Amino acid sequence: MFSFAWPWVFAALLLPLLVYRFSKPVSNQQSALKVPFFALLKHQSVAGQSLSKVKFAFLSLLWVLLLSAGAKPLWLGEPQPVTNSVRDLMLAVDISGSMETKDMQLGSQMVNRLVGIKVVLDGFINKRKQDRMGLILFADNAYIQTPLTLDHRSLAKFLNEAQIGFAGQKTAIGDAIGLALKRMQDSPQKSRVLILLTDGANTAGTVTPLDAAAMAAKHGLKIYTLGFGADEYIVQSIFGNQRINPSADLDEDSLKKIAQMTGGKYFRARSIDELVEVYQLLDELEPQPNIGKEVVPQRSLFFWPLGSALLLSVLWALFYLFNHWRLSLVAIKERRSDNVR
């Protein structure tokens, strides 16, 4: 929508006419002078009379453009909700070797666990627009893939670029919790949440999961733990199809204790559909804040009328110089013809 920030500037629209109407003419009585270039003045006078209307229209347009620039024209966009970040939310994703297990059905094909997590987390990240979010990837070691940020597009991009084996083959759950706590313990946000997703048990690292959870509880970090992986998986072998439990190594007891100690909750997801349901529940447990204030994006357009006025002034100056040059040539020709006579 188009608007003016200072529309009262247009009150000066008729100011030049008022000055012309009420100002007294200048009294200038001088002795007659002999003008040797009378022919040039004669042609300029005739041309000036014919251009008076054009000049008036030009000056009027120039004045309107200058006032339009002074009134600060704006283009107003659609109102956008504005809220301050209400929580810090860190995602810790397991990328150990066991995440290579292809027990997740996505459409008509079977994919590994990490691919399923990427699909679900992408939608979850896009919904948490008011939260500062970060990403921790862990296996033999835990490391920050994305620090806490409101740039969720970059966060989703870095998650999609994560690959199994980047940090080794084992699982350092305790180190992941400790790293999240280190990054979030000095946060000014009152609500600090860690969502930890794994398909196994702690097999690496320098800190045990329960010790890390105790420190997290002491500093007010709430942890939601999520065990991921199918309970049944059919493997073809020379002895025929065998049913195995690909999640036999999942340490659910520890994950439940971690969540209980920190005021969070444990979830179990055996498929991509169940994982979607888990993150929907997380949205209910950690709801988005009510959106209050709105801001209207503004784009200033003053440079368009100002630039147009400058361009017209240049064109008028060029036209005036050209007209003066043309009349000078005409006057010179007439003077030569008079001398010949």
C-alpha atoms as a PDB file:
ATOM      1  CA  MET A   1       0.000   0.000   0.000  1.00  0.00           C
ATOM      2  CA  PHE A   2       1.242   3.473  -0.933  1.00  0.00           C
ATOM      3  CA  SER A   3       1.263   6.249   1.664  1.00  0.00           C
ATOM      4  CA  PHE A   4       2.956   9.496   2.707  1.00  0.00           C
ATOM      5  CA  ALA A   5       4.630   9.822   6.100  1.00  0.00           C
ATOM      6  CA  TRP A   6       4.296  13.634   6.124  1.00  0.00           C
ATOM      7  CA  PRO A   7       1.239  14.513   3.967  1.00  0.00           C
ATOM      8  CA  TRP A   8       1.001  17.972   5.572  1.00  0.00           C
ATOM      9  CA  VAL A   9       3.915  19.024   3.317  1.00  0.00           C
ATOM     10  CA  PHE A  10       1.378  19.360   0.479  1.00  0.00           C
ATOM     11  CA  ALA A  11      -0.084  22.367   2.307  1.00  0.00           C
ATOM     12  CA  ALA A  12       2.681  24.344   0.550  1.00  0.00           C
ATOM     13  CA  LEU A  13       1.348  23.348  -2.871  1.00  0.00           C
ATOM     14  CA  LEU A  14      -0.172  26.795  -3.584  1.00  0.00           C
ATOM     15  CA  LEU A  15       2.624  28.767  -1.934  1.00  0.00           C
ATOM     16  CA  PRO A  16       4.217  29.964  -5.235  1.00  0.00           C
ATOM     17  CA  LEU A  17       0.834  31.276  -6.478  1.00  0.00           C
ATOM     18  CA  LEU A  18       0.251  33.122  -3.196  1.00  0.00           C
ATOM     19  CA  VAL A  19       3.687  34.732  -3.393  1.00  0.00           C
ATOM     20  CA  TYR A  20       3.076  35.763  -6.995  1.00  0.00           C
ATOM     21  CA  ARG A  21      -0.403  37.109  -6.193  1.00  0.00           C
ATOM     22  CA  PHE A  22       0.386  39.193  -3.120  1.00  0.00           C
ATOM     23  CA  SER A  23       3.985  40.299  -3.682  1.00  0.00           C
ATOM     24  CA  LYS A  24       4.428  43.835  -5.019  1.00  0.00           C
ATOM     25  CA  PRO A  25       6.027  44.280  -8.453  1.00  0.00           C
ATOM     26  CA  VAL A  26       9.517  45.726  -8.485  1.00  0.00           C
ATOM     27  CA  SER A  27       9.649  49.400  -9.420  1.00  0.00           C
ATOM     28  CA  ASN A  28      12.623  49.857 -11.722  1.00  0.00           C
ATOM     29  CA  GLN A  29      12.854  53.117 -13.666  1.00  0.00           C
ATOM     30  CA  GLN A  30      16.004  53.428 -15.666  1.00  0.00           C
ATOM     31  CA  SER A  31      17.173  55.510 -18.568  1.00  0.00           C
ATOM     32  CA  ALA A  32      16.820  54.063 -22.006  1.00  0.00           C
ATOM     33  CA  LEU A  33      19.772  52.108 -23.190  1.00  0.00           C
ATOM     34  CA  LYS A  34      21.065  51.388 -26.593  1.00  0.00           C
ATOM     35  CA  VAL A  35      21.113  47.636 -27.026  1.00  0.00           C
ATOM     36  CA  PRO A  36      23.412  46.438 -29.818  1.00  0.00           C
ATOM     37  CA  PHE A  37      22.008  42.900 -29.608  1.00  0.00           C
ATOM     38  CA  PHE A  38      18.365  43.955 -29.920  1.00  0.00           C
ATOM     39  CA  ALA A  39      17.710  41.319 -32.575  1.00  0.00           C
ATOM     40  CA  LEU A  40      18.603  38.548 -30.145  1.00  0.00           C
ATOM     41  CA  LEU A  41      16.351  40.002 -27.441  1.00  0.00           C
ATOM     42  CA  LYS A  42      13.501  40.366 -29.918  1.00  0.00           C
ATOM     43  CA  HIS A  43      13.627  36.691 -30.837  1.00  0.00           C
ATOM     44  CA  GLN A  44      13.984  35.646 -27.201  1.00  0.00           C
ATOM     45  CA  SER A  45      10.941  37.756 -26.297  1.00  0.00           C
ATOM     46  CA  VAL A  46       8.810  36.187 -28.990  1.00  0.00           C
ATOM     47  CA  ALA A  47       9.989  32.685 -28.072  1.00  0.00           C
ATOM     48  CA  GLY A  48       9.507  33.429 -24.371  1.00  0.00           C
ATOM     49  CA  GLN A  49       5.869  34.346 -24.929  1.00  0.00           C
ATOM     50  CA  SER A  50       5.255  31.098 -26.770  1.00  0.00           C
ATOM     51  CA  LEU A  51       7.033  29.074 -24.068  1.00  0.00           C
ATOM     52  CA  SER A  52       5.436  30.771 -21.072  1.00  0.00           C
ATOM     53  CA  LYS A  53       2.706  28.141 -20.729  1.00  0.00           C
ATOM     54  CA  VAL A  54       5.192  25.309 -21.115  1.00  0.00           C
ATOM     55  CA  LYS A  55       7.461  26.923 -18.532  1.00  0.00           C
ATOM     56  CA  PHE A  56       4.570  27.354 -16.103  1.00  0.00           C
ATOM     57  CA  ALA A  57       3.556  23.698 -16.500  1.00  0.00           C
ATOM     58  CA  PHE A  58       7.157  22.565 -16.069  1.00  0.00           C
ATOM     59  CA  LEU A  59       7.722  24.626 -12.918  1.00  0.00           C
ATOM     60  CA  SER A  60       4.422  23.419 -11.485  1.00  0.00           C
ATOM     61  CA  LEU A  61       5.359  19.795 -12.105  1.00  0.00           C
ATOM     62  CA  LEU A  62       8.804  20.394 -10.605  1.00  0.00           C
ATOM     63  CA  TRP A  63       7.262  21.913  -7.473  1.00  0.00           C
ATOM     64  CA  VAL A  64       4.840  18.981  -7.075  1.00  0.00           C
ATOM     65  CA  LEU A  65       7.693  16.479  -7.393  1.00  0.00           C
ATOM     66  CA  LEU A  66       9.775  18.285  -4.778  1.00  0.00           C
ATOM     67  CA  LEU A  67       6.844  18.379  -2.368  1.00  0.00           C
ATOM     68  CA  SER A  68       6.178  14.693  -3.015  1.00  0.00           C
ATOM     69  CA  ALA A  69       9.770  13.865  -2.101  1.00  0.00           C
ATOM     70  CA  GLY A  70       9.519  16.020   1.026  1.00  0.00           C
ATOM     71  CA  ALA A  71       6.303  14.263   2.077  1.00  0.00           C
ATOM     72  CA  LYS A  72       8.322  11.021   2.374  1.00  0.00           C
ATOM     73  CA  PRO A  73       6.415   8.558   0.194  1.00  0.00           C
ATOM     74  CA  LEU A  74       6.379   4.988   1.539  1.00  0.00           C
ATOM     75  CA  TRP A  75       5.383   1.571   0.312  1.00  0.00           C
ATOM     76  CA  LEU A  76       3.796  -0.357   3.194  1.00  0.00           C
ATOM     77  CA  GLY A  77       3.946  -4.157   3.174  1.00  0.00           C
ATOM     78  CA  GLU A  78       1.722  -6.666   4.937  1.00  0.00           C
ATOM     79  CA  PRO A  79       1.783  -6.464   8.765  1.00  0.00           C
ATOM     80  CA  GLN A  80       4.236  -8.962  10.259  1.00  0.00           C
ATOM     81  CA  PRO A  81       3.971 -10.380  13.794  1.00  0.00           C
ATOM     82  CA  VAL A  82       6.825  -9.503  16.129  1.00  0.00           C
ATOM     83  CA  THR A  83       7.766 -11.324  19.286  1.00  0.00           C
ATOM     84  CA  ASN A  84      11.010 -11.599  21.139  1.00  0.00           C
ATOM     85  CA  SER A  85      12.642 -15.009  21.340  1.00  0.00           C
ATOM     86  CA  VAL A  86      11.005 -16.766  24.293  1.00  0.00           C
ATOM     87  CA  ARG A  87      13.241 -19.829  24.619  1.00  0.00           C
ATOM     88  CA  ASP A  88      16.482 -21.414  23.574  1.00  0.00           C
ATOM     89  CA  LEU A  89      15.881 -24.814  22.033  1.00  0.00           C
ATOM     90  CA  MET A  90      18.797 -27.083  21.164  1.00  0.00           C
ATOM     91  CA  LEU A  91      18.470 -30.194  18.996  1.00  0.00           C
ATOM     92  CA  ALA A  92      20.941 -33.022  19.622  1.00  0.00           C
ATOM     93  CA  VAL A  93      20.904 -35.614  16.835  1.00  0.00           C
ATOM     94  CA  ASP A  94      22.692 -38.949  16.900  1.00  0.00           C
ATOM     95  CA  ILE A  95      24.773 -39.603  13.738  1.00  0.00           C
ATOM     96  CA  SER A  96      26.516 -42.768  14.947  1.00  0.00           C
ATOM     97  CA  GLY A  97      26.940 -45.830  12.724  1.00  0.00           C
ATOM     98  CA  SER A  98      23.661 -47.418  13.853  1.00  0.00           C
ATOM     99  CA  MET A  99      21.728 -44.542  12.266  1.00  0.00           C
ATOM    100  CA  GLU A 100      22.605 -46.154   8.910  1.00  0.00           C
ATOM    101  CA  THR A 101      19.988 -48.862   9.588  1.00  0.00           C
ATOM    102  CA  LYS A 102      17.324 -48.767   6.869  1.00  0.00           C
ATOM    103  CA  ASP A 103      14.233 -49.539   8.918  1.00  0.00           C
ATOM    104  CA  MET A 104      12.250 -46.360   8.129  1.00  0.00           C
ATOM    105  CA  GLN A 105       9.618 -46.385   5.414  1.00  0.00           C
ATOM    106  CA  LEU A 106       9.324 -43.130   3.485  1.00  0.00           C
ATOM    107  CA  GLY A 107       6.660 -43.406   0.834  1.00  0.00           C
ATOM    108  CA  SER A 108       7.325 -46.608  -1.092  1.00  0.00           C
ATOM    109  CA  GLN A 109      10.980 -47.012  -0.153  1.00  0.00           C
ATOM    110  CA  MET A 110      12.999 -47.857   2.934  1.00  0.00           C
ATOM    111  CA  VAL A 111      15.475 -45.209   4.102  1.00  0.00           C
ATOM    112  CA  ASN A 112      17.939 -45.017   6.966  1.00  0.00           C
ATOM    113  CA  ARG A 113      17.066 -43.426  10.287  1.00  0.00           C
ATOM    114  CA  LEU A 114      18.963 -40.206   9.704  1.00  0.00           C
ATOM    115  CA  VAL A 115      17.029 -39.508   6.487  1.00  0.00           C
ATOM    116  CA  GLY A 116      13.756 -39.990   8.366  1.00  0.00           C
ATOM    117  CA  ILE A 117      14.899 -37.613  11.103  1.00  0.00           C
ATOM    118  CA  LYS A 118      15.842 -34.952   8.546  1.00  0.00           C
ATOM    119  CA  VAL A 119      12.404 -35.112   6.934  1.00  0.00           C
ATOM    120  CA  VAL A 120      10.546 -34.680  10.228  1.00  0.00           C
ATOM    121  CA  LEU A 121      12.859 -32.122  11.822  1.00  0.00           C
ATOM    122  CA  ASP A 122      12.685 -29.864   8.776  1.00  0.00           C
ATOM    123  CA  GLY A 123       8.987 -29.241   9.412  1.00  0.00           C
ATOM    124  CA  PHE A 124       9.493 -28.881  13.158  1.00  0.00           C
ATOM    125  CA  ILE A 125      12.234 -26.270  12.690  1.00  0.00           C
ATOM    126  CA  ASN A 126      10.083 -24.192  10.335  1.00  0.00           C
ATOM    127  CA  LYS A 127       7.298 -23.996  12.927  1.00  0.00           C
ATOM    128  CA  ARG A 128       9.462 -22.642  15.769  1.00  0.00           C
ATOM    129  CA  LYS A 129       9.841 -19.155  14.353  1.00  0.00           C
ATOM    130  CA  GLN A 130      10.026 -17.407  17.755  1.00  0.00           C
ATOM    131  CA  ASP A 131      12.677 -19.694  19.264  1.00  0.00           C
ATOM    132  CA  ARG A 132      16.431 -19.481  19.045  1.00  0.00           C
ATOM    133  CA  MET A 133      17.450 -22.930  17.888  1.00  0.00           C
ATOM    134  CA  GLY A 134      20.760 -24.728  17.632  1.00  0.00           C
ATOM    135  CA  LEU A 135      21.991 -28.103  16.430  1.00  0.00           C
ATOM    136  CA  ILE A 136      24.384 -30.573  18.058  1.00  0.00           C
ATOM    137  CA  LEU A 137      25.552 -33.669  16.192  1.00  0.00           C
ATOM    138  CA  PHE A 138      27.123 -36.478  18.199  1.00  0.00           C
ATOM    139  CA  ALA A 139      28.724 -39.891  17.768  1.00  0.00           C
ATOM    140  CA  ASP A 140      32.214 -40.608  19.204  1.00  0.00           C
ATOM    141  CA  ASN A 141      32.249 -36.901  20.063  1.00  0.00           C
ATOM    142  CA  ALA A 142      29.683 -34.135  20.227  1.00  0.00           C
ATOM    143  CA  TYR A 143      30.086 -30.883  18.368  1.00  0.00           C
ATOM    144  CA  ILE A 144      28.088 -27.778  17.543  1.00  0.00           C
ATOM    145  CA  GLN A 145      26.844 -27.850  13.980  1.00  0.00           C
ATOM    146  CA  THR A 146      24.804 -24.646  14.391  1.00  0.00           C
ATOM    147  CA  PRO A 147      24.920 -22.282  17.393  1.00  0.00           C
ATOM    148  CA  LEU A 148      21.704 -20.833  18.800  1.00  0.00           C
ATOM    149  CA  THR A 149      20.174 -18.662  16.107  1.00  0.00           C
ATOM    150  CA  LEU A 150      16.924 -17.297  14.705  1.00  0.00           C
ATOM    151  CA  ASP A 151      18.146 -18.138  11.203  1.00  0.00           C
ATOM    152  CA  HIS A 152      16.158 -21.355  10.938  1.00  0.00           C
ATOM    153  CA  ARG A 153      16.763 -21.667   7.213  1.00  0.00           C
ATOM    154  CA  SER A 154      20.499 -22.060   7.790  1.00  0.00           C
ATOM    155  CA  LEU A 155      19.836 -24.461  10.658  1.00  0.00           C
ATOM    156  CA  ALA A 156      17.723 -26.716   8.412  1.00  0.00           C
ATOM    157  CA  LYS A 157      20.384 -26.541   5.708  1.00  0.00           C
ATOM    158  CA  PHE A 158      23.163 -27.679   8.074  1.00  0.00           C
ATOM    159  CA  LEU A 159      20.968 -30.498   9.356  1.00  0.00           C
ATOM    160  CA  ASN A 160      20.359 -31.737   5.811  1.00  0.00           C
ATOM    161  CA  GLU A 161      24.113 -31.685   5.164  1.00  0.00           C
ATOM    162  CA  ALA A 162      24.845 -33.935   8.172  1.00  0.00           C
ATOM    163  CA  GLN A 163      26.189 -37.377   7.255  1.00  0.00           C
ATOM    164  CA  ILE A 164      26.634 -40.596   9.215  1.00  0.00           C
ATOM    165  CA  GLY A 165      30.232 -41.100  10.238  1.00  0.00           C
ATOM    166  CA  PHE A 166      31.146 -37.421  10.494  1.00  0.00           C
ATOM    167  CA  ALA A 167      31.884 -37.843  14.201  1.00  0.00           C
ATOM    168  CA  GLY A 168      32.632 -41.566  14.389  1.00  0.00           C
ATOM    169  CA  GLN A 169      30.594 -44.720  14.912  1.00  0.00           C
ATOM    170  CA  LYS A 170      29.887 -44.784  18.687  1.00  0.00           C
ATOM    171  CA  THR A 171      27.410 -42.764  20.765  1.00  0.00           C
ATOM    172  CA  ALA A 172      28.403 -40.070  23.288  1.00  0.00           C
ATOM    173  CA  ILE A 173      25.052 -39.104  24.822  1.00  0.00           C
ATOM    174  CA  GLY A 174      26.589 -37.633  27.998  1.00  0.00           C
ATOM    175  CA  ASP A 175      28.938 -35.397  26.014  1.00  0.00           C
ATOM    176  CA  ALA A 176      26.026 -34.138  23.888  1.00  0.00           C
ATOM    177  CA  ILE A 177      24.116 -33.120  27.023  1.00  0.00           C
ATOM    178  CA  GLY A 178      27.223 -31.495  28.509  1.00  0.00           C
ATOM    179  CA  LEU A 179      27.893 -29.515  25.332  1.00  0.00           C
ATOM    180  CA  ALA A 180      24.278 -28.323  25.196  1.00  0.00           C
ATOM    181  CA  LEU A 181      24.492 -27.216  28.830  1.00  0.00           C
ATOM    182  CA  LYS A 182      27.753 -25.374  28.185  1.00  0.00           C
ATOM    183  CA  ARG A 183      26.190 -23.477  25.296  1.00  0.00           C
ATOM    184  CA  MET A 184      22.935 -22.655  27.111  1.00  0.00           C
ATOM    185  CA  GLN A 185      23.739 -22.170  30.812  1.00  0.00           C
ATOM    186  CA  ASP A 186      24.504 -18.447  30.380  1.00  0.00           C
ATOM    187  CA  SER A 187      21.500 -17.809  28.154  1.00  0.00           C
ATOM    188  CA  PRO A 188      19.267 -14.877  29.222  1.00  0.00           C
ATOM    189  CA  GLN A 189      16.193 -16.866  28.208  1.00  0.00           C
ATOM    190  CA  LYS A 190      14.147 -18.277  31.082  1.00  0.00           C
ATOM    191  CA  SER A 191      13.114 -21.335  29.065  1.00  0.00           C
ATOM    192  CA  ARG A 192      15.958 -23.561  27.876  1.00  0.00           C
ATOM    193  CA  VAL A 193      15.144 -26.886  26.250  1.00  0.00           C
ATOM    194  CA  LEU A 194      17.206 -29.742  24.797  1.00  0.00           C
ATOM    195  CA  ILE A 195      15.605 -32.333  22.521  1.00  0.00           C
ATOM    196  CA  LEU A 196      17.945 -35.315  22.372  1.00  0.00           C
ATOM    197  CA  LEU A 197      17.340 -37.961  19.712  1.00  0.00           C
ATOM    198  CA  THR A 198      19.237 -41.246  19.660  1.00  0.00           C
ATOM    199  CA  ASP A 199      18.814 -44.868  18.627  1.00  0.00           C
ATOM    200  CA  GLY A 200      21.299 -46.475  21.027  1.00  0.00           C
ATOM    201  CA  ALA A 201      23.089 -46.319  24.336  1.00  0.00           C
ATOM    202  CA  ASN A 202      26.000 -44.294  25.627  1.00  0.00           C
ATOM    203  CA  THR A 203      29.164 -46.024  24.375  1.00  0.00           C
ATOM    204  CA  ALA A 204      31.639 -43.120  24.223  1.00  0.00           C
ATOM    205  CA  GLY A 205      32.493 -39.805  25.778  1.00  0.00           C
ATOM    206  CA  THR A 206      33.949 -38.554  29.052  1.00  0.00           C
ATOM    207  CA  VAL A 207      30.690 -37.804  30.901  1.00  0.00           C
ATOM    208  CA  THR A 208      27.990 -40.323  31.736  1.00  0.00           C
ATOM    209  CA  PRO A 209      24.453 -39.418  30.646  1.00  0.00           C
ATOM    210  CA  LEU A 210      23.066 -39.381  34.203  1.00  0.00           C
ATOM    211  CA  ASP A 211      25.873 -37.163  35.514  1.00  0.00           C
ATOM    212  CA  ALA A 212      25.295 -34.774  32.631  1.00  0.00           C
ATOM    213  CA  ALA A 213      21.559 -34.835  33.333  1.00  0.00           C
ATOM    214  CA  ALA A 214      22.184 -33.972  36.993  1.00  0.00           C
ATOM    215  CA  MET A 215      24.213 -30.927  35.967  1.00  0.00           C
ATOM    216  CA  ALA A 216      21.512 -29.941  33.465  1.00  0.00           C
ATOM    217  CA  ALA A 217      18.821 -30.159  36.135  1.00  0.00           C
ATOM    218  CA  LYS A 218      20.915 -27.994  38.452  1.00  0.00           C
ATOM    219  CA  HIS A 219      21.130 -25.245  35.828  1.00  0.00           C
ATOM    220  CA  GLY A 220      17.489 -25.414  34.729  1.00  0.00           C
ATOM    221  CA  LEU A 221      17.947 -27.159  31.373  1.00  0.00           C
ATOM    222  CA  LYS A 222      14.905 -29.253  30.486  1.00  0.00           C
ATOM    223  CA  ILE A 223      15.633 -32.334  28.368  1.00  0.00           C
ATOM    224  CA  TYR A 224      13.181 -34.238  26.197  1.00  0.00           C
ATOM    225  CA  THR A 225      14.657 -37.576  25.145  1.00  0.00           C
ATOM    226  CA  LEU A 226      13.543 -39.489  22.101  1.00  0.00           C
ATOM    227  CA  GLY A 227      14.358 -43.112  21.284  1.00  0.00           C
ATOM    228  CA  PHE A 228      14.161 -43.769  17.559  1.00  0.00           C
ATOM    229  CA  GLY A 229      14.175 -46.980  15.550  1.00  0.00           C
ATOM    230  CA  ALA A 230      11.904 -49.861  14.575  1.00  0.00           C
ATOM    231  CA  ASP A 231      11.289 -52.800  16.924  1.00  0.00           C
ATOM    232  CA  GLU A 232      11.217 -55.278  14.097  1.00  0.00           C
ATOM    233  CA  TYR A 233      13.277 -55.580  10.958  1.00  0.00           C
ATOM    234  CA  ILE A 234      13.296 -58.385   8.362  1.00  0.00           C
ATOM    235  CA  VAL A 235      16.717 -59.461   7.163  1.00  0.00           C
ATOM    236  CA  GLN A 236      17.198 -61.772   4.190  1.00  0.00           C
ATOM    237  CA  SER A 237      19.848 -64.452   4.615  1.00  0.00           C
ATOM    238  CA  ILE A 238      20.732 -67.904   3.275  1.00  0.00           C
ATOM    239  CA  PHE A 239      18.456 -69.342   5.934  1.00  0.00           C
ATOM    240  CA  GLY A 240      15.499 -67.259   4.716  1.00  0.00           C
ATOM    241  CA  ASN A 241      13.891 -64.163   6.177  1.00  0.00           C
ATOM    242  CA  GLN A 242      14.764 -63.469   9.784  1.00  0.00           C
ATOM    243  CA  ARG A 243      13.066 -61.047  12.116  1.00  0.00           C
ATOM    244  CA  ILE A 244      15.426 -59.076  14.310  1.00  0.00           C
ATOM    245  CA  ASN A 245      15.112 -56.141  16.684  1.00  0.00           C
ATOM    246  CA  PRO A 246      17.292 -53.335  15.272  1.00  0.00           C
ATOM    247  CA  SER A 247      16.684 -51.270  18.422  1.00  0.00           C
ATOM    248  CA  ALA A 248      17.984 -53.864  20.874  1.00  0.00           C
ATOM    249  CA  ASP A 249      20.793 -51.520  21.945  1.00  0.00           C
ATOM    250  CA  LEU A 250      18.445 -48.638  22.744  1.00  0.00           C
ATOM    251  CA  ASP A 251      18.899 -47.704  26.421  1.00  0.00           C
ATOM    252  CA  GLU A 252      15.364 -46.614  27.224  1.00  0.00           C
ATOM    253  CA  ASP A 253      15.898 -46.723  30.982  1.00  0.00           C
ATOM    254  CA  SER A 254      18.652 -44.099  30.849  1.00  0.00           C
ATOM    255  CA  LEU A 255      16.687 -41.909  28.468  1.00  0.00           C
ATOM    256  CA  LYS A 256      13.670 -42.028  30.775  1.00  0.00           C
ATOM    257  CA  LYS A 257      15.813 -41.103  33.813  1.00  0.00           C
ATOM    258  CA  ILE A 258      17.433 -38.195  31.950  1.00  0.00           C
ATOM    259  CA  ALA A 259      14.023 -36.771  31.073  1.00  0.00           C
ATOM    260  CA  GLN A 260      12.654 -37.344  34.596  1.00  0.00           C
ATOM    261  CA  MET A 261      15.641 -35.696  36.286  1.00  0.00           C
ATOM    262  CA  THR A 262      15.370 -32.510  34.190  1.00  0.00           C
ATOM    263  CA  GLY A 263      11.596 -32.101  34.123  1.00  0.00           C
ATOM    264  CA  GLY A 264      11.241 -33.308  30.540  1.00  0.00           C
ATOM    265  CA  LYS A 265       9.644 -36.385  29.033  1.00  0.00           C
ATOM    266  CA  TYR A 266      10.722 -39.509  27.176  1.00  0.00           C
ATOM    267  CA  PHE A 267       9.215 -40.471  23.811  1.00  0.00           C
ATOM    268  CA  ARG A 268       9.525 -43.575  21.676  1.00  0.00           C
ATOM    269  CA  ALA A 269       9.187 -43.408  17.891  1.00  0.00           C
ATOM    270  CA  ARG A 270       9.325 -46.620  15.829  1.00  0.00           C
ATOM    271  CA  SER A 271       8.531 -45.054  12.455  1.00  0.00           C
ATOM    272  CA  ILE A 272       8.535 -41.742  10.650  1.00  0.00           C
ATOM    273  CA  ASP A 273       4.811 -41.317  11.319  1.00  0.00           C
ATOM    274  CA  GLU A 274       5.355 -41.847  15.051  1.00  0.00           C
ATOM    275  CA  LEU A 275       8.234 -39.376  14.954  1.00  0.00           C
ATOM    276  CA  VAL A 276       5.910 -36.779  13.427  1.00  0.00           C
ATOM    277  CA  GLU A 277       3.433 -37.403  16.256  1.00  0.00           C
ATOM    278  CA  VAL A 278       6.187 -36.979  18.835  1.00  0.00           C
ATOM    279  CA  TYR A 279       7.143 -33.570  17.504  1.00  0.00           C
ATOM    280  CA  GLN A 280       3.492 -32.564  17.429  1.00  0.00           C
ATOM    281  CA  LEU A 281       3.334 -33.454  21.121  1.00  0.00           C
ATOM    282  CA  LEU A 282       6.474 -31.418  21.709  1.00  0.00           C
ATOM    283  CA  ASP A 283       4.717 -28.442  20.113  1.00  0.00           C
ATOM    284  CA  GLU A 284       1.951 -28.876  22.696  1.00  0.00           C
ATOM    285  CA  LEU A 285       4.374 -29.281  25.603  1.00  0.00           C
ATOM    286  CA  GLU A 286       6.519 -26.336  24.508  1.00  0.00           C
ATOM    287  CA  PRO A 287       3.880 -24.138  22.816  1.00  0.00           C
ATOM    288  CA  GLN A 288       4.560 -21.100  20.699  1.00  0.00           C
ATOM    289  CA  PRO A 289       3.921 -17.767  22.448  1.00  0.00           C
ATOM    290  CA  ASN A 290       0.844 -15.737  21.616  1.00  0.00           C
ATOM    291  CA  ILE A 291       1.763 -13.233  18.966  1.00  0.00           C
ATOM    292  CA  GLY A 292       1.067  -9.688  20.108  1.00  0.00           C
ATOM    293  CA  LYS A 293       2.555  -6.714  18.342  1.00  0.00           C
ATOM    294  CA  GLU A 294       2.788  -6.356  14.594  1.00  0.00           C
ATOM    295  CA  VAL A 295       5.194  -4.337  12.509  1.00  0.00           C
ATOM    296  CA  VAL A 296       4.487  -3.007   9.033  1.00  0.00           C
ATOM    297  CA  PRO A 297       7.484  -3.248   6.678  1.00  0.00           C
ATOM    298  CA  GLN A 298       8.235   0.123   5.059  1.00  0.00           C
ATOM    299  CA  ARG A 299      10.197   0.949   1.946  1.00  0.00           C
ATOM    300  CA  SER A 300      11.043   4.593   1.329  1.00  0.00           C
ATOM    301  CA  LEU A 301      10.317   5.895  -2.194  1.00  0.00           C
ATOM    302  CA  PHE A 302      11.397   9.539  -1.849  1.00  0.00           C
ATOM    303  CA  PHE A 303      14.246   9.055  -4.345  1.00  0.00           C
ATOM    304  CA  TRP A 304      11.783   8.527  -7.220  1.00  0.00           C
ATOM    305  CA  PRO A 305      10.153  12.004  -7.174  1.00  0.00           C
ATOM    306  CA  LEU A 306      13.443  13.615  -6.149  1.00  0.00           C
ATOM    307  CA  GLY A 307      15.317  11.909  -8.964  1.00  0.00           C
ATOM    308  CA  SER A 308      12.561  12.840 -11.427  1.00  0.00           C
ATOM    309  CA  ALA A 309      12.783  16.492 -10.368  1.00  0.00           C
ATOM    310  CA  LEU A 310      16.561  16.450 -10.827  1.00  0.00           C
ATOM    311  CA  LEU A 311      16.240  14.834 -14.261  1.00  0.00           C
ATOM    312  CA  LEU A 312      13.627  17.373 -15.384  1.00  0.00           C
ATOM    313  CA  SER A 313      15.845  20.226 -14.177  1.00  0.00           C
ATOM    314  CA  VAL A 314      18.753  18.906 -16.236  1.00  0.00           C
ATOM    315  CA  LEU A 315      16.542  18.476 -19.300  1.00  0.00           C
ATOM    316  CA  TRP A 316      15.166  21.986 -18.907  1.00  0.00           C
ATOM    317  CA  ALA A 317      18.672  23.452 -18.584  1.00  0.00           C
ATOM    318  CA  LEU A 318      19.752  21.624 -21.743  1.00  0.00           C
ATOM    319  CA  PHE A 319      16.636  22.794 -23.557  1.00  0.00           C
ATOM    320  CA  TYR A 320      17.244  26.389 -22.445  1.00  0.00           C
ATOM    321  CA  LEU A 321      20.858  26.295 -23.622  1.00  0.00           C
ATOM    322  CA  PHE A 322      19.843  24.766 -26.957  1.00  0.00           C
ATOM    323  CA  ASN A 323      17.099  27.363 -27.454  1.00  0.00           C
ATOM    324  CA  HIS A 324      19.488  30.193 -26.582  1.00  0.00           C
ATOM    325  CA  TRP A 325      22.021  28.841 -29.079  1.00  0.00           C
ATOM    326  CA  ARG A 326      19.353  28.522 -31.767  1.00  0.00           C
ATOM    327  CA  LEU A 327      18.087  32.074 -31.249  1.00  0.00           C
ATOM    328  CA  SER A 328      21.637  33.387 -31.327  1.00  0.00           C
ATOM    329  CA  LEU A 329      22.152  31.818 -34.750  1.00  0.00           C
ATOM    330  CA  VAL A 330      18.902  33.357 -36.003  1.00  0.00           C
ATOM    331  CA  ALA A 331      19.906  36.804 -34.709  1.00  0.00           C
ATOM    332  CA  ILE A 332      23.333  36.547 -36.350  1.00  0.00           C
ATOM    333  CA  LYS A 333      21.777  35.640 -39.694  1.00  0.00           C
ATOM    334  CA  GLU A 334      19.377  38.602 -39.513  1.00  0.00           C
ATOM    335  CA  ARG A 335      22.197  40.969 -38.609  1.00  0.00           C
ATOM    336  CA  ARG A 336      24.202  39.802 -41.624  1.00  0.00           C
ATOM    337  CA  SER A 337      21.231  40.228 -43.925  1.00  0.00           C
ATOM    338  CA  ASP A 338      20.711  43.798 -42.620  1.00  0.00           C
ATOM    339  CA  ASN A 339      24.354  44.647 -43.284  1.00  0.00           C
ATOM    340  CA  VAL A 340      24.087  43.347 -46.836  1.00  0.00           C
ATOM    341  CA  ARG A 341      21.163  45.640 -47.480  1.00  0.00           C
END
